[in-house]
Amino acid sequence: MKKLWNFSAEKSSRDPNVVFYNGKYYACFAGKEDSIGICSSASVEGLSEAEGKTVFKAPEGTAYSKQLWAPELHVINGKCYVYVACDDGNNHTHRMYVLGNDSSDPETKYRMLGKIGDETDKWAIDGTVITYGGESYFVWSGWESDVNVCQNLYISKMKSPTELEKERYLISTPEYDWEKLGATGEEESPFINEGPYALWLDGELYLLYSGSGSWCEDYCIAYLKLTGDDILNRASWTKCKS
């Protein structure tokens, strides 16, 4: 299979996120475990020949120097931000961070703006941004406590591109058998909801996510559909398997 793009600077590209902005397609991805790359093309097909650029390399010896996972590019109010999960080499320290480049050009170098999270400061990965009703919301996969037994989906209102409101709200937890395959729900074998991503279709809001263990053949895509008025209320979301 032909790889999606060339990233010769790092010889690796993982966790791709593709967005369309200003007439071009941009792919944002993790390179080596300490870097992020971006490439662009006038077409989706053209990404297969696009040359990736390293736009951020984490400095050694920091809380965000290792295991950069699932970076997402978002352009907010004309400025570019990348939301990415990072840790210090220990998975239990994974938190969400935000990078910025003070520019409308996604392929310019980024700098670390800091951690982005709610007041609980629990394990967090796979952060994404939803715009709804003129407001911005952050959704991510996280632990309820400090024990790796279950990954839930949480949402929080954003004060700004770099700061959340204090509270997080649970909107999905693995509850059906098809969300629990490949795991026991015991420590280091967690039930999983992860990889949330918003999709607008015919004026309705859907939140796609992955369920069950990524390490098994039963890993699947499901979605939440916003059927109520309060985006922060779990009861406003209806769960469906695709």
C-alpha atoms as a PDB file:
ATOM      1  CA  MET A   1       0.000   0.000   0.000  1.00  0.00           C
ATOM      2  CA  LYS A   2       1.302   3.432  -0.910  1.00  0.00           C
ATOM      3  CA  LYS A   3       1.883   5.645   2.089  1.00  0.00           C
ATOM      4  CA  LEU A   4      -0.192   8.795   2.268  1.00  0.00           C
ATOM      5  CA  TRP A   5       2.738  11.218   2.097  1.00  0.00           C
ATOM      6  CA  ASN A   6       6.501  11.470   2.146  1.00  0.00           C
ATOM      7  CA  PHE A   7       8.073  12.529   5.413  1.00  0.00           C
ATOM      8  CA  SER A   8      11.743  11.972   4.759  1.00  0.00           C
ATOM      9  CA  ALA A   9      12.836  14.195   7.645  1.00  0.00           C
ATOM     10  CA  GLU A  10      11.499  11.669  10.157  1.00  0.00           C
ATOM     11  CA  LYS A  11      11.048   8.416   8.198  1.00  0.00           C
ATOM     12  CA  SER A  12       7.762   7.961  10.028  1.00  0.00           C
ATOM     13  CA  SER A  13       4.211   9.307  10.039  1.00  0.00           C
ATOM     14  CA  ARG A  14       1.428   8.260  12.399  1.00  0.00           C
ATOM     15  CA  ASP A  15      -2.019   9.352  13.602  1.00  0.00           C
ATOM     16  CA  PRO A  16      -2.916  11.480  10.543  1.00  0.00           C
ATOM     17  CA  ASN A  17      -5.399  14.334  10.737  1.00  0.00           C
ATOM     18  CA  VAL A  18      -6.479  15.949   7.445  1.00  0.00           C
ATOM     19  CA  VAL A  19      -8.228  19.329   7.192  1.00  0.00           C
ATOM     20  CA  PHE A  20      -9.245  21.591   4.309  1.00  0.00           C
ATOM     21  CA  TYR A  21      -8.282  25.240   4.763  1.00  0.00           C
ATOM     22  CA  ASN A  22      -7.845  28.174   2.373  1.00  0.00           C
ATOM     23  CA  GLY A  23      -8.188  26.004  -0.711  1.00  0.00           C
ATOM     24  CA  LYS A  24      -5.655  23.348   0.339  1.00  0.00           C
ATOM     25  CA  TYR A  25      -5.627  20.041   2.188  1.00  0.00           C
ATOM     26  CA  TYR A  26      -3.281  19.797   5.153  1.00  0.00           C
ATOM     27  CA  ALA A  27      -2.199  16.557   6.812  1.00  0.00           C
ATOM     28  CA  CYS A  28      -0.916  16.822  10.384  1.00  0.00           C
ATOM     29  CA  PHE A  29       0.777  13.776  11.880  1.00  0.00           C
ATOM     30  CA  ALA A  30       3.217  12.470  14.469  1.00  0.00           C
ATOM     31  CA  GLY A  31       6.704  11.788  13.190  1.00  0.00           C
ATOM     32  CA  LYS A  32       9.157  10.247  15.612  1.00  0.00           C
ATOM     33  CA  GLU A  33       7.819  10.147  19.147  1.00  0.00           C
ATOM     34  CA  ASP A  34       9.066  13.675  19.810  1.00  0.00           C
ATOM     35  CA  SER A  35       7.992  15.533  16.642  1.00  0.00           C
ATOM     36  CA  ILE A  36       5.040  16.659  14.524  1.00  0.00           C
ATOM     37  CA  GLY A  37       4.912  17.095  10.773  1.00  0.00           C
ATOM     38  CA  ILE A  38       2.566  18.814   8.338  1.00  0.00           C
ATOM     39  CA  CYS A  39       2.254  18.558   4.561  1.00  0.00           C
ATOM     40  CA  SER A  40      -0.163  20.112   2.090  1.00  0.00           C
ATOM     41  CA  SER A  41      -1.666  19.660  -1.352  1.00  0.00           C
ATOM     42  CA  ALA A  42      -4.362  21.147  -3.577  1.00  0.00           C
ATOM     43  CA  SER A  43      -6.074  17.737  -3.539  1.00  0.00           C
ATOM     44  CA  VAL A  44      -6.442  14.809  -1.162  1.00  0.00           C
ATOM     45  CA  GLU A  45      -4.788  12.577  -3.774  1.00  0.00           C
ATOM     46  CA  GLY A  46      -1.852  14.972  -3.935  1.00  0.00           C
ATOM     47  CA  LEU A  47      -0.990  14.285  -0.298  1.00  0.00           C
ATOM     48  CA  SER A  48       0.517  10.999  -1.466  1.00  0.00           C
ATOM     49  CA  GLU A  49       3.357  12.979  -3.083  1.00  0.00           C
ATOM     50  CA  ALA A  50       3.552  15.853  -0.605  1.00  0.00           C
ATOM     51  CA  GLU A  51       6.756  16.353   1.361  1.00  0.00           C
ATOM     52  CA  GLY A  52       6.202  16.647   5.094  1.00  0.00           C
ATOM     53  CA  LYS A  53       7.815  19.393   7.139  1.00  0.00           C
ATOM     54  CA  THR A  54       8.766  19.088  10.787  1.00  0.00           C
ATOM     55  CA  VAL A  55       6.866  21.939  12.467  1.00  0.00           C
ATOM     56  CA  PHE A  56       7.564  21.026  16.094  1.00  0.00           C
ATOM     57  CA  LYS A  57      10.210  19.008  17.907  1.00  0.00           C
ATOM     58  CA  ALA A  58       9.775  18.592  21.633  1.00  0.00           C
ATOM     59  CA  PRO A  59      12.744  19.504  23.828  1.00  0.00           C
ATOM     60  CA  GLU A  60      14.244  16.738  25.934  1.00  0.00           C
ATOM     61  CA  GLY A  61      13.600  16.456  29.652  1.00  0.00           C
ATOM     62  CA  THR A  62      10.148  18.065  29.735  1.00  0.00           C
ATOM     63  CA  ALA A  63       6.666  16.833  30.653  1.00  0.00           C
ATOM     64  CA  TYR A  64       5.867  16.906  26.923  1.00  0.00           C
ATOM     65  CA  SER A  65       9.057  15.450  25.441  1.00  0.00           C
ATOM     66  CA  LYS A  66       7.848  11.918  24.621  1.00  0.00           C
ATOM     67  CA  GLN A  67       5.048   9.906  23.002  1.00  0.00           C
ATOM     68  CA  LEU A  68       3.401  12.698  21.027  1.00  0.00           C
ATOM     69  CA  TRP A  69       0.120  11.126  19.979  1.00  0.00           C
ATOM     70  CA  ALA A  70      -2.684  12.072  17.569  1.00  0.00           C
ATOM     71  CA  PRO A  71      -1.916  15.729  16.774  1.00  0.00           C
ATOM     72  CA  GLU A  72      -4.828  17.715  15.325  1.00  0.00           C
ATOM     73  CA  LEU A  73      -4.576  20.936  13.347  1.00  0.00           C
ATOM     74  CA  HIS A  74      -7.287  23.550  13.973  1.00  0.00           C
ATOM     75  CA  VAL A  75      -7.495  27.094  12.621  1.00  0.00           C
ATOM     76  CA  ILE A  76      -9.300  29.310  15.127  1.00  0.00           C
ATOM     77  CA  ASN A  77      -9.914  33.007  14.501  1.00  0.00           C
ATOM     78  CA  GLY A  78      -7.353  32.942  11.694  1.00  0.00           C
ATOM     79  CA  LYS A  79      -4.555  31.411  13.786  1.00  0.00           C
ATOM     80  CA  CYS A  80      -3.188  27.869  13.681  1.00  0.00           C
ATOM     81  CA  TYR A  81      -3.132  25.525  16.659  1.00  0.00           C
ATOM     82  CA  VAL A  82      -2.127  21.890  17.056  1.00  0.00           C
ATOM     83  CA  TYR A  83      -3.613  19.889  19.926  1.00  0.00           C
ATOM     84  CA  VAL A  84      -1.513  16.865  20.864  1.00  0.00           C
ATOM     85  CA  ALA A  85      -1.162  14.344  23.686  1.00  0.00           C
ATOM     86  CA  CYS A  86       2.328  14.229  25.251  1.00  0.00           C
ATOM     87  CA  ASP A  87       4.100  12.690  28.216  1.00  0.00           C
ATOM     88  CA  ASP A  88       7.551  12.394  29.776  1.00  0.00           C
ATOM     89  CA  GLY A  89       8.057   8.776  28.714  1.00  0.00           C
ATOM     90  CA  ASN A  90       5.546   7.353  31.206  1.00  0.00           C
ATOM     91  CA  ASN A  91       2.072   6.790  29.736  1.00  0.00           C
ATOM     92  CA  HIS A  92       0.432   7.666  33.073  1.00  0.00           C
ATOM     93  CA  THR A  93       1.609  11.271  32.621  1.00  0.00           C
ATOM     94  CA  HIS A  94      -0.105  11.738  29.255  1.00  0.00           C
ATOM     95  CA  ARG A  95      -1.938  15.071  29.085  1.00  0.00           C
ATOM     96  CA  MET A  96      -3.233  17.296  26.286  1.00  0.00           C
ATOM     97  CA  TYR A  97      -1.083  20.202  25.117  1.00  0.00           C
ATOM     98  CA  VAL A  98      -1.592  22.980  22.591  1.00  0.00           C
ATOM     99  CA  LEU A  99       0.925  24.381  20.118  1.00  0.00           C
ATOM    100  CA  GLY A 100       0.593  27.637  18.189  1.00  0.00           C
ATOM    101  CA  ASN A 101       2.436  29.567  15.498  1.00  0.00           C
ATOM    102  CA  ASP A 102       0.723  33.007  15.662  1.00  0.00           C
ATOM    103  CA  SER A 103       0.059  32.654  11.954  1.00  0.00           C
ATOM    104  CA  SER A 104      -2.582  31.666   9.413  1.00  0.00           C
ATOM    105  CA  ASP A 105      -0.017  29.421   7.698  1.00  0.00           C
ATOM    106  CA  PRO A 106      -0.330  25.841   9.028  1.00  0.00           C
ATOM    107  CA  GLU A 107       3.152  24.901   7.826  1.00  0.00           C
ATOM    108  CA  THR A 108       5.021  27.484   9.901  1.00  0.00           C
ATOM    109  CA  LYS A 109       7.011  26.347  12.943  1.00  0.00           C
ATOM    110  CA  TYR A 110       4.994  25.932  16.158  1.00  0.00           C
ATOM    111  CA  ARG A 111       5.892  26.643  19.765  1.00  0.00           C
ATOM    112  CA  MET A 112       4.565  25.064  22.943  1.00  0.00           C
ATOM    113  CA  LEU A 113       1.768  27.152  24.491  1.00  0.00           C
ATOM    114  CA  GLY A 114       1.165  24.811  27.415  1.00  0.00           C
ATOM    115  CA  LYS A 115      -1.104  22.154  28.837  1.00  0.00           C
ATOM    116  CA  ILE A 116      -4.825  22.344  28.154  1.00  0.00           C
ATOM    117  CA  GLY A 117      -7.194  20.580  30.535  1.00  0.00           C
ATOM    118  CA  ASP A 118      -9.841  20.785  33.231  1.00  0.00           C
ATOM    119  CA  GLU A 119      -9.325  21.108  36.974  1.00  0.00           C
ATOM    120  CA  THR A 120      -9.008  17.333  37.577  1.00  0.00           C
ATOM    121  CA  ASP A 121      -5.772  17.156  35.527  1.00  0.00           C
ATOM    122  CA  LYS A 122      -6.307  13.443  34.789  1.00  0.00           C
ATOM    123  CA  TRP A 123      -4.772  11.337  32.008  1.00  0.00           C
ATOM    124  CA  ALA A 124      -5.890  12.661  28.609  1.00  0.00           C
ATOM    125  CA  ILE A 125      -5.327  11.951  24.905  1.00  0.00           C
ATOM    126  CA  ASP A 126      -6.990  12.531  21.497  1.00  0.00           C
ATOM    127  CA  GLY A 127      -8.238  16.076  22.035  1.00  0.00           C
ATOM    128  CA  THR A 128     -10.421  17.714  19.394  1.00  0.00           C
ATOM    129  CA  VAL A 129     -12.375  20.961  19.013  1.00  0.00           C
ATOM    130  CA  ILE A 130     -16.111  21.317  18.297  1.00  0.00           C
ATOM    131  CA  THR A 131     -17.776  24.586  17.346  1.00  0.00           C
ATOM    132  CA  TYR A 132     -21.450  24.630  18.328  1.00  0.00           C
ATOM    133  CA  GLY A 133     -23.869  27.487  18.830  1.00  0.00           C
ATOM    134  CA  GLY A 134     -21.101  30.033  18.325  1.00  0.00           C
ATOM    135  CA  GLU A 135     -19.009  28.531  21.149  1.00  0.00           C
ATOM    136  CA  SER A 136     -15.985  26.219  21.141  1.00  0.00           C
ATOM    137  CA  TYR A 137     -15.818  22.954  23.076  1.00  0.00           C
ATOM    138  CA  PHE A 138     -12.955  20.535  23.693  1.00  0.00           C
ATOM    139  CA  VAL A 139     -13.538  16.761  23.656  1.00  0.00           C
ATOM    140  CA  TRP A 140     -10.968  14.140  24.637  1.00  0.00           C
ATOM    141  CA  SER A 141     -10.432  10.581  25.852  1.00  0.00           C
ATOM    142  CA  GLY A 142      -9.491  10.313  29.512  1.00  0.00           C
ATOM    143  CA  TRP A 143      -9.479   8.393  32.749  1.00  0.00           C
ATOM    144  CA  GLU A 144     -11.929   8.997  35.559  1.00  0.00           C
ATOM    145  CA  SER A 145      -9.183   8.484  38.152  1.00  0.00           C
ATOM    146  CA  ASP A 146      -5.462   7.697  38.045  1.00  0.00           C
ATOM    147  CA  VAL A 147      -5.901   4.001  37.226  1.00  0.00           C
ATOM    148  CA  ASN A 148      -5.788   2.694  33.652  1.00  0.00           C
ATOM    149  CA  VAL A 149      -9.023   0.674  33.575  1.00  0.00           C
ATOM    150  CA  CYS A 150     -11.330   2.684  31.293  1.00  0.00           C
ATOM    151  CA  GLN A 151     -11.092   5.509  28.761  1.00  0.00           C
ATOM    152  CA  ASN A 152     -14.140   7.769  28.613  1.00  0.00           C
ATOM    153  CA  LEU A 153     -15.034  10.733  26.423  1.00  0.00           C
ATOM    154  CA  TYR A 154     -15.191  14.078  28.221  1.00  0.00           C
ATOM    155  CA  ILE A 155     -16.192  17.548  27.064  1.00  0.00           C
ATOM    156  CA  SER A 156     -15.469  21.017  28.409  1.00  0.00           C
ATOM    157  CA  LYS A 157     -16.280  24.502  27.184  1.00  0.00           C
ATOM    158  CA  MET A 158     -13.262  26.443  25.932  1.00  0.00           C
ATOM    159  CA  LYS A 159     -12.472  29.880  27.361  1.00  0.00           C
ATOM    160  CA  SER A 160      -9.943  30.388  24.566  1.00  0.00           C
ATOM    161  CA  PRO A 161      -7.909  28.196  22.178  1.00  0.00           C
ATOM    162  CA  THR A 162      -5.503  27.520  25.058  1.00  0.00           C
ATOM    163  CA  GLU A 163      -7.769  27.310  28.125  1.00  0.00           C
ATOM    164  CA  LEU A 164     -10.790  25.293  29.243  1.00  0.00           C
ATOM    165  CA  GLU A 165     -13.473  25.929  31.815  1.00  0.00           C
ATOM    166  CA  LYS A 166     -12.779  24.157  35.116  1.00  0.00           C
ATOM    167  CA  GLU A 167     -15.348  21.379  34.804  1.00  0.00           C
ATOM    168  CA  ARG A 168     -15.320  18.366  32.520  1.00  0.00           C
ATOM    169  CA  TYR A 169     -18.492  16.485  31.619  1.00  0.00           C
ATOM    170  CA  LEU A 170     -18.721  12.791  30.812  1.00  0.00           C
ATOM    171  CA  ILE A 171     -20.549  12.170  27.522  1.00  0.00           C
ATOM    172  CA  SER A 172     -19.562   8.563  26.725  1.00  0.00           C
ATOM    173  CA  THR A 173     -18.181   5.531  28.513  1.00  0.00           C
ATOM    174  CA  PRO A 174     -17.769   1.974  27.198  1.00  0.00           C
ATOM    175  CA  GLU A 175     -21.127   0.410  28.091  1.00  0.00           C
ATOM    176  CA  TYR A 176     -21.913  -2.071  25.325  1.00  0.00           C
ATOM    177  CA  ASP A 177     -20.173  -5.375  24.630  1.00  0.00           C
ATOM    178  CA  TRP A 178     -18.874  -4.131  21.262  1.00  0.00           C
ATOM    179  CA  GLU A 179     -17.033  -1.289  23.066  1.00  0.00           C
ATOM    180  CA  LYS A 180     -15.264  -3.641  25.473  1.00  0.00           C
ATOM    181  CA  LEU A 181     -13.721  -6.257  23.198  1.00  0.00           C
ATOM    182  CA  GLY A 182     -10.066  -7.123  23.603  1.00  0.00           C
ATOM    183  CA  ALA A 183      -9.947  -5.857  27.196  1.00  0.00           C
ATOM    184  CA  THR A 184     -10.839  -6.954  30.728  1.00  0.00           C
ATOM    185  CA  GLY A 185     -11.458  -3.599  32.370  1.00  0.00           C
ATOM    186  CA  GLU A 186      -8.649  -4.333  34.785  1.00  0.00           C
ATOM    187  CA  GLU A 187      -5.554  -2.177  35.220  1.00  0.00           C
ATOM    188  CA  GLU A 188      -3.521  -1.861  31.985  1.00  0.00           C
ATOM    189  CA  SER A 189      -6.326  -3.643  30.054  1.00  0.00           C
ATOM    190  CA  PRO A 190      -8.810  -0.779  29.758  1.00  0.00           C
ATOM    191  CA  PHE A 191     -12.196  -0.622  28.109  1.00  0.00           C
ATOM    192  CA  ILE A 192     -11.896   2.106  25.483  1.00  0.00           C
ATOM    193  CA  ASN A 193     -13.678   5.076  23.935  1.00  0.00           C
ATOM    194  CA  GLU A 194     -11.084   7.211  22.143  1.00  0.00           C
ATOM    195  CA  GLY A 195     -10.262   9.224  19.011  1.00  0.00           C
ATOM    196  CA  PRO A 196     -13.295  11.583  19.048  1.00  0.00           C
ATOM    197  CA  TYR A 197     -13.838  13.744  15.958  1.00  0.00           C
ATOM    198  CA  ALA A 198     -16.755  16.030  15.128  1.00  0.00           C
ATOM    199  CA  LEU A 199     -18.717  15.787  11.888  1.00  0.00           C
ATOM    200  CA  TRP A 200     -21.541  18.023  10.701  1.00  0.00           C
ATOM    201  CA  LEU A 201     -23.950  16.320   8.283  1.00  0.00           C
ATOM    202  CA  ASP A 202     -27.192  17.854   6.999  1.00  0.00           C
ATOM    203  CA  GLY A 203     -27.147  20.353   9.837  1.00  0.00           C
ATOM    204  CA  GLU A 204     -26.766  17.713  12.569  1.00  0.00           C
ATOM    205  CA  LEU A 205     -23.743  17.166  14.808  1.00  0.00           C
ATOM    206  CA  TYR A 206     -22.093  13.760  15.124  1.00  0.00           C
ATOM    207  CA  LEU A 207     -19.092  12.805  17.235  1.00  0.00           C
ATOM    208  CA  LEU A 208     -17.225   9.857  15.730  1.00  0.00           C
ATOM    209  CA  TYR A 209     -15.042   7.774  18.049  1.00  0.00           C
ATOM    210  CA  SER A 210     -13.262   4.419  18.317  1.00  0.00           C
ATOM    211  CA  GLY A 211     -14.341   1.617  20.639  1.00  0.00           C
ATOM    212  CA  SER A 212     -12.727  -1.605  21.931  1.00  0.00           C
ATOM    213  CA  GLY A 213      -9.009  -2.330  21.944  1.00  0.00           C
ATOM    214  CA  SER A 214      -6.887  -0.872  19.143  1.00  0.00           C
ATOM    215  CA  TRP A 215      -4.671  -3.946  19.460  1.00  0.00           C
ATOM    216  CA  CYS A 216      -7.415  -6.369  18.336  1.00  0.00           C
ATOM    217  CA  GLU A 217      -9.499  -7.016  15.210  1.00  0.00           C
ATOM    218  CA  ASP A 218     -12.653  -5.819  16.976  1.00  0.00           C
ATOM    219  CA  TYR A 219     -11.537  -2.172  17.102  1.00  0.00           C
ATOM    220  CA  CYS A 220     -14.463  -0.277  15.579  1.00  0.00           C
ATOM    221  CA  ILE A 221     -15.886   3.131  14.716  1.00  0.00           C
ATOM    222  CA  ALA A 222     -19.038   4.331  16.456  1.00  0.00           C
ATOM    223  CA  TYR A 223     -20.672   7.715  16.875  1.00  0.00           C
ATOM    224  CA  LEU A 224     -22.646   9.925  19.195  1.00  0.00           C
ATOM    225  CA  LYS A 225     -25.393  12.069  17.680  1.00  0.00           C
ATOM    226  CA  LEU A 226     -26.405  15.277  19.401  1.00  0.00           C
ATOM    227  CA  THR A 227     -30.151  14.871  19.857  1.00  0.00           C
ATOM    228  CA  GLY A 228     -30.657  17.253  22.780  1.00  0.00           C
ATOM    229  CA  ASP A 229     -30.067  20.936  23.369  1.00  0.00           C
ATOM    230  CA  ASP A 230     -27.265  20.805  25.960  1.00  0.00           C
ATOM    231  CA  ILE A 231     -23.982  19.696  24.394  1.00  0.00           C
ATOM    232  CA  LEU A 232     -22.443  19.245  27.876  1.00  0.00           C
ATOM    233  CA  ASN A 233     -25.175  16.832  29.002  1.00  0.00           C
ATOM    234  CA  ARG A 234     -24.629  13.122  28.355  1.00  0.00           C
ATOM    235  CA  ALA A 235     -28.397  12.700  27.932  1.00  0.00           C
ATOM    236  CA  SER A 236     -28.238  14.977  24.874  1.00  0.00           C
ATOM    237  CA  TRP A 237     -26.073  12.451  23.012  1.00  0.00           C
ATOM    238  CA  THR A 238     -27.417   9.251  21.420  1.00  0.00           C
ATOM    239  CA  LYS A 239     -24.889   6.438  20.869  1.00  0.00           C
ATOM    240  CA  CYS A 240     -24.849   4.341  17.693  1.00  0.00           C
ATOM    241  CA  LYS A 241     -22.466   1.811  16.184  1.00  0.00           C
ATOM    242  CA  SER A 242     -21.668   2.570  12.540  1.00  0.00           C
END
